[in-house]
N, C-alpha and C. Protein backbone atom coordinates (compact mmCIF):
# COMPACT_ATOMS: atom_id res chain seq x y z
N ASN A 1 51.28 73.77 44.28
CA ASN A 1 51.83 74.06 45.64
C ASN A 1 53.14 73.50 45.96
N ARG A 2 53.30 72.15 45.87
CA ARG A 2 54.55 71.37 45.95
C ARG A 2 55.71 71.81 45.13
N TRP A 3 55.21 72.15 43.87
CA TRP A 3 56.33 72.74 42.83
C TRP A 3 56.99 73.93 43.66
N LYS A 4 56.15 74.86 43.96
CA LYS A 4 56.59 76.16 44.80
C LYS A 4 57.50 75.78 45.81
N MET A 5 57.22 74.89 46.48
CA MET A 5 57.88 74.41 47.83
C MET A 5 59.52 73.98 47.37
N PHE A 6 59.39 73.10 46.47
CA PHE A 6 60.59 72.96 45.74
C PHE A 6 61.54 73.94 45.25
N GLN A 7 60.99 74.74 44.78
CA GLN A 7 61.70 75.77 44.18
C GLN A 7 62.33 76.71 45.33
N LEU A 8 61.32 77.12 46.19
CA LEU A 8 61.70 77.74 47.66
C LEU A 8 63.01 76.93 48.20
N PHE A 9 63.19 75.59 48.36
CA PHE A 9 64.39 75.05 48.72
C PHE A 9 65.52 75.33 47.85
N TYR A 10 65.38 75.16 46.52
CA TYR A 10 66.32 75.41 45.70
C TYR A 10 66.95 76.99 45.89
N ASP A 11 65.78 77.91 46.16
CA ASP A 11 66.25 79.33 46.17
C ASP A 11 67.09 79.59 47.32
N LEU A 12 66.88 78.73 48.51
CA LEU A 12 67.74 79.05 49.60
C LEU A 12 69.21 78.71 49.41
N SER A 13 69.56 77.97 48.15
CA SER A 13 71.02 77.77 47.82
C SER A 13 71.59 79.09 46.78
N SER A 14 70.72 80.04 46.69
CA SER A 14 71.16 80.95 45.68
C SER A 14 72.25 81.81 46.23
N LEU A 15 72.98 82.16 45.40
CA LEU A 15 74.31 82.81 45.68
C LEU A 15 73.68 84.71 45.86
N ASP A 16 72.65 84.75 45.41
CA ASP A 16 72.15 86.17 45.50
C ASP A 16 71.44 86.04 46.78
N SER A 17 71.66 87.01 47.84
CA SER A 17 71.31 86.90 49.03
C SER A 17 69.89 87.21 49.22
N SER A 18 69.28 88.19 48.41
CA SER A 18 67.97 88.84 48.37
C SER A 18 66.87 87.32 47.83
N VAL A 19 67.55 86.57 46.85
CA VAL A 19 66.75 85.28 46.60
C VAL A 19 66.54 84.61 47.78
N ARG A 20 67.56 84.05 48.31
CA ARG A 20 67.68 83.42 49.68
C ARG A 20 66.76 83.92 50.83
N LYS A 21 66.79 85.17 51.07
CA LYS A 21 66.01 85.71 52.08
C LYS A 21 64.49 85.51 51.60
N ALA A 22 64.26 86.08 50.08
CA ALA A 22 62.70 85.99 50.05
C ALA A 22 62.13 84.33 50.01
N ALA A 23 63.07 83.43 49.66
CA ALA A 23 62.72 82.26 49.91
C ALA A 23 62.41 81.93 51.32
N GLU A 24 63.22 82.25 52.38
CA GLU A 24 63.19 81.95 53.68
C GLU A 24 62.03 82.67 54.41
N PHE A 25 61.74 83.76 53.80
CA PHE A 25 60.45 84.46 54.53
C PHE A 25 59.04 83.81 53.77
N GLU A 26 59.04 82.98 52.47
CA GLU A 26 57.75 82.72 52.04
C GLU A 26 57.82 81.04 52.76
N ILE A 27 58.90 80.31 52.93
CA ILE A 27 58.92 79.20 53.76
C ILE A 27 58.50 79.50 55.04
N LEU A 28 58.90 80.33 55.97
CA LEU A 28 58.41 80.66 57.13
C LEU A 28 56.79 80.68 57.31
N ASN A 29 56.44 81.58 56.15
CA ASN A 29 54.73 82.03 55.77
C ASN A 29 53.96 80.71 55.74
N ARG A 30 54.58 79.83 54.91
CA ARG A 30 53.89 78.71 54.47
C ARG A 30 53.79 77.70 55.71
N LEU A 31 55.02 77.63 56.66
CA LEU A 31 55.10 76.78 57.62
C LEU A 31 54.07 76.98 58.68
N LYS A 32 53.82 78.33 58.83
CA LYS A 32 52.96 78.98 60.09
C LYS A 32 51.25 78.45 59.81
N SER A 33 51.08 78.08 58.38
CA SER A 33 49.77 77.51 58.04
C SER A 33 49.67 76.24 57.63
N SER A 34 50.68 75.52 57.82
CA SER A 34 50.88 73.93 57.12
C SER A 34 50.47 73.09 57.95
N ASP A 35 50.14 71.89 57.56
CA ASP A 35 49.58 70.94 58.44
C ASP A 35 50.91 70.06 58.81
N SER A 36 50.97 69.33 59.91
CA SER A 36 51.98 68.38 60.35
C SER A 36 52.95 67.84 59.50
N LYS A 37 52.33 67.25 58.13
CA LYS A 37 52.85 66.54 57.47
C LYS A 37 53.87 67.54 56.74
N ASP A 38 53.15 68.56 55.96
CA ASP A 38 54.06 69.56 55.36
C ASP A 38 55.45 69.82 56.07
N PHE A 39 55.01 70.51 57.36
CA PHE A 39 55.84 70.95 58.45
C PHE A 39 56.98 69.91 58.49
N ASP A 40 56.69 68.67 58.83
CA ASP A 40 57.54 67.49 59.09
C ASP A 40 58.71 67.58 57.82
N TYR A 41 58.08 67.76 56.49
CA TYR A 41 58.51 67.41 55.07
C TYR A 41 59.76 68.72 55.04
N ALA A 42 59.31 69.89 55.49
CA ALA A 42 60.15 71.23 55.33
C ALA A 42 61.37 71.12 56.30
N ILE A 43 61.09 70.52 57.65
CA ILE A 43 62.17 70.59 58.44
C ILE A 43 63.16 69.35 58.22
N LYS A 44 62.64 68.37 57.62
CA LYS A 44 63.71 67.41 57.20
C LYS A 44 64.33 67.81 55.77
N ARG A 45 63.85 68.77 55.02
CA ARG A 45 64.78 69.45 54.01
C ARG A 45 65.80 70.38 54.62
N LEU A 46 65.29 71.13 55.29
CA LEU A 46 66.10 72.19 55.89
C LEU A 46 67.39 71.51 56.81
N ILE A 47 66.99 70.53 57.39
CA ILE A 47 68.30 69.57 57.85
C ILE A 47 69.06 69.19 57.24
N GLY A 48 68.65 68.50 56.19
CA GLY A 48 69.28 68.02 54.97
C GLY A 48 69.93 68.97 54.15
N GLY A 49 69.46 70.06 54.07
CA GLY A 49 70.24 71.09 52.79
C GLY A 49 71.25 71.71 53.81
N ILE A 50 71.22 71.41 55.06
CA ILE A 50 72.70 72.03 55.57
C ILE A 50 73.98 71.58 55.31
N SER A 51 74.06 70.17 54.84
CA SER A 51 74.80 69.63 54.45
C SER A 51 75.38 69.55 53.25
N SER A 52 74.68 70.29 52.23
CA SER A 52 74.80 70.36 50.56
C SER A 52 75.97 71.20 50.42
N SER A 53 76.65 71.02 49.61
CA SER A 53 77.54 72.04 49.18
C SER A 53 77.49 72.99 47.86
N ARG A 54 76.10 73.15 47.42
CA ARG A 54 75.67 73.54 46.11
C ARG A 54 75.58 74.90 46.82
N GLY A 55 76.39 76.02 46.04
CA GLY A 55 75.93 77.27 46.06
C GLY A 55 76.05 77.57 47.79
N GLU A 56 75.22 78.41 48.11
CA GLU A 56 75.15 79.23 49.27
C GLU A 56 74.30 78.14 50.09
N SER A 57 74.24 76.98 50.06
CA SER A 57 73.17 75.83 50.68
C SER A 57 73.33 75.95 52.15
N ARG A 58 74.52 75.91 52.47
CA ARG A 58 74.84 76.04 53.79
C ARG A 58 74.31 77.46 54.69
N ARG A 59 74.32 78.10 54.32
CA ARG A 59 74.11 79.42 54.89
C ARG A 59 72.69 79.64 54.72
N GLY A 60 72.23 79.40 53.70
CA GLY A 60 70.71 79.46 53.26
C GLY A 60 69.63 78.77 54.24
N PHE A 61 70.08 77.23 54.10
CA PHE A 61 69.36 76.33 55.02
C PHE A 61 69.49 76.40 56.37
N SER A 62 70.64 76.73 56.88
CA SER A 62 70.90 77.03 58.45
C SER A 62 70.23 78.14 58.69
N THR A 63 70.36 79.16 58.01
CA THR A 63 69.54 80.70 58.57
C THR A 63 68.28 80.33 58.59
N CYS A 64 67.62 79.74 57.45
CA CYS A 64 66.22 79.43 57.79
C CYS A 64 65.91 78.57 58.55
N LEU A 65 66.53 77.67 58.89
CA LEU A 65 66.27 76.61 60.22
C LEU A 65 66.41 77.14 61.40
N CYS A 66 67.45 78.12 61.85
CA CYS A 66 67.29 79.04 62.85
C CYS A 66 66.01 79.94 62.90
N GLU A 67 65.53 80.60 61.85
CA GLU A 67 64.49 81.18 61.97
C GLU A 67 63.10 80.52 62.03
N VAL A 68 63.21 79.43 61.72
CA VAL A 68 62.08 78.39 62.11
C VAL A 68 62.01 78.36 63.61
N LEU A 69 63.14 77.92 64.30
CA LEU A 69 63.44 77.55 65.80
C LEU A 69 62.94 78.87 66.44
N ARG A 70 63.37 80.13 65.87
CA ARG A 70 63.12 81.16 66.60
C ARG A 70 61.60 81.77 66.41
N GLU A 71 60.89 81.39 65.25
CA GLU A 71 59.81 81.65 64.99
C GLU A 71 58.64 80.85 65.73
N PHE A 72 58.92 79.73 65.79
CA PHE A 72 58.03 78.63 66.77
C PHE A 72 58.27 78.70 68.24
N GLY A 73 59.60 79.16 68.56
CA GLY A 73 59.81 79.33 70.00
C GLY A 73 59.90 77.88 70.77
N GLU A 74 59.43 77.88 71.90
CA GLU A 74 59.15 76.96 72.86
C GLU A 74 58.13 76.00 72.65
N GLY A 75 58.18 74.78 72.80
CA GLY A 75 56.74 74.06 72.43
C GLY A 75 57.20 72.87 71.70
N SER A 76 56.14 72.00 71.43
CA SER A 76 56.14 70.82 70.76
C SER A 76 56.97 70.84 69.33
N LYS A 77 56.52 71.70 68.68
CA LYS A 77 57.25 71.85 67.31
C LYS A 77 58.92 72.07 67.42
N THR A 78 59.18 73.03 68.25
CA THR A 78 60.37 73.36 68.68
C THR A 78 61.25 71.87 69.02
N LYS A 79 60.63 71.00 69.98
CA LYS A 79 61.00 69.81 70.77
C LYS A 79 61.35 68.91 69.41
N SER A 80 60.24 68.91 68.47
CA SER A 80 60.46 67.75 67.35
C SER A 80 61.29 67.95 66.23
N ILE A 81 61.85 69.28 66.34
CA ILE A 81 62.86 69.92 65.03
C ILE A 81 64.09 69.44 65.78
N LEU A 82 64.41 69.97 67.21
CA LEU A 82 65.49 69.43 68.01
C LEU A 82 65.86 67.77 67.93
N GLU A 83 64.62 67.13 68.01
CA GLU A 83 64.94 65.75 68.04
C GLU A 83 65.12 65.17 66.74
N LYS A 84 64.68 65.94 65.66
CA LYS A 84 65.19 65.34 64.13
C LYS A 84 66.61 66.16 63.80
N ILE A 85 66.96 66.94 64.23
CA ILE A 85 68.42 67.55 64.49
C ILE A 85 69.32 66.45 64.90
N LEU A 86 69.22 65.97 66.23
CA LEU A 86 69.76 65.08 66.96
C LEU A 86 69.60 63.67 65.99
N GLU A 87 68.44 63.38 65.65
CA GLU A 87 68.68 62.10 64.74
C GLU A 87 69.41 62.17 63.57
N SER A 88 69.38 63.15 62.77
CA SER A 88 70.17 63.19 61.63
C SER A 88 71.52 63.33 61.95
N THR A 89 71.90 63.94 62.65
CA THR A 89 73.45 63.95 63.30
C THR A 89 73.80 62.64 63.96
N SER A 90 73.04 62.04 64.43
CA SER A 90 73.61 60.57 64.89
C SER A 90 73.72 59.68 63.71
N HIS A 91 72.70 59.69 62.64
CA HIS A 91 72.84 59.11 61.69
C HIS A 91 74.25 59.27 60.89
N SER A 92 74.39 60.52 60.94
CA SER A 92 75.99 60.98 60.29
C SER A 92 77.15 60.49 60.87
N ASN A 93 76.92 60.42 62.26
CA ASN A 93 78.08 59.99 63.06
C ASN A 93 78.34 58.58 63.04
N SER A 94 77.07 57.78 62.84
CA SER A 94 77.43 56.36 62.79
C SER A 94 77.94 56.22 61.51
N LYS A 95 77.68 56.82 60.41
CA LYS A 95 78.13 56.38 59.17
C LYS A 95 79.60 56.48 59.12
N ASP A 96 80.21 57.44 59.92
CA ASP A 96 81.30 57.79 59.90
C ASP A 96 82.46 56.94 60.66
N GLU A 97 81.97 55.97 61.40
CA GLU A 97 82.62 55.35 62.26
C GLU A 97 83.09 54.09 61.65
């Protein structure tokens, strides 16, 4: 199960858009039925992957993160995701100074 998730995150960087789309679809499906620990891990990976320069990482990870936000709509999970994004970017900004 964990190995499959690792592969899905790897596939989000694929140059092949159909591979990225399939990975995005599978990640969304898994997040719908995951516990909070797995959900938090996936969000952390998606946020971190946006800054990767490998393949189409930025496109794949950002698209998937947007779809997660759209899928879960308003509520505590969305608030948690946005807080993690802000936390991540504030750490990045403080390193640059």
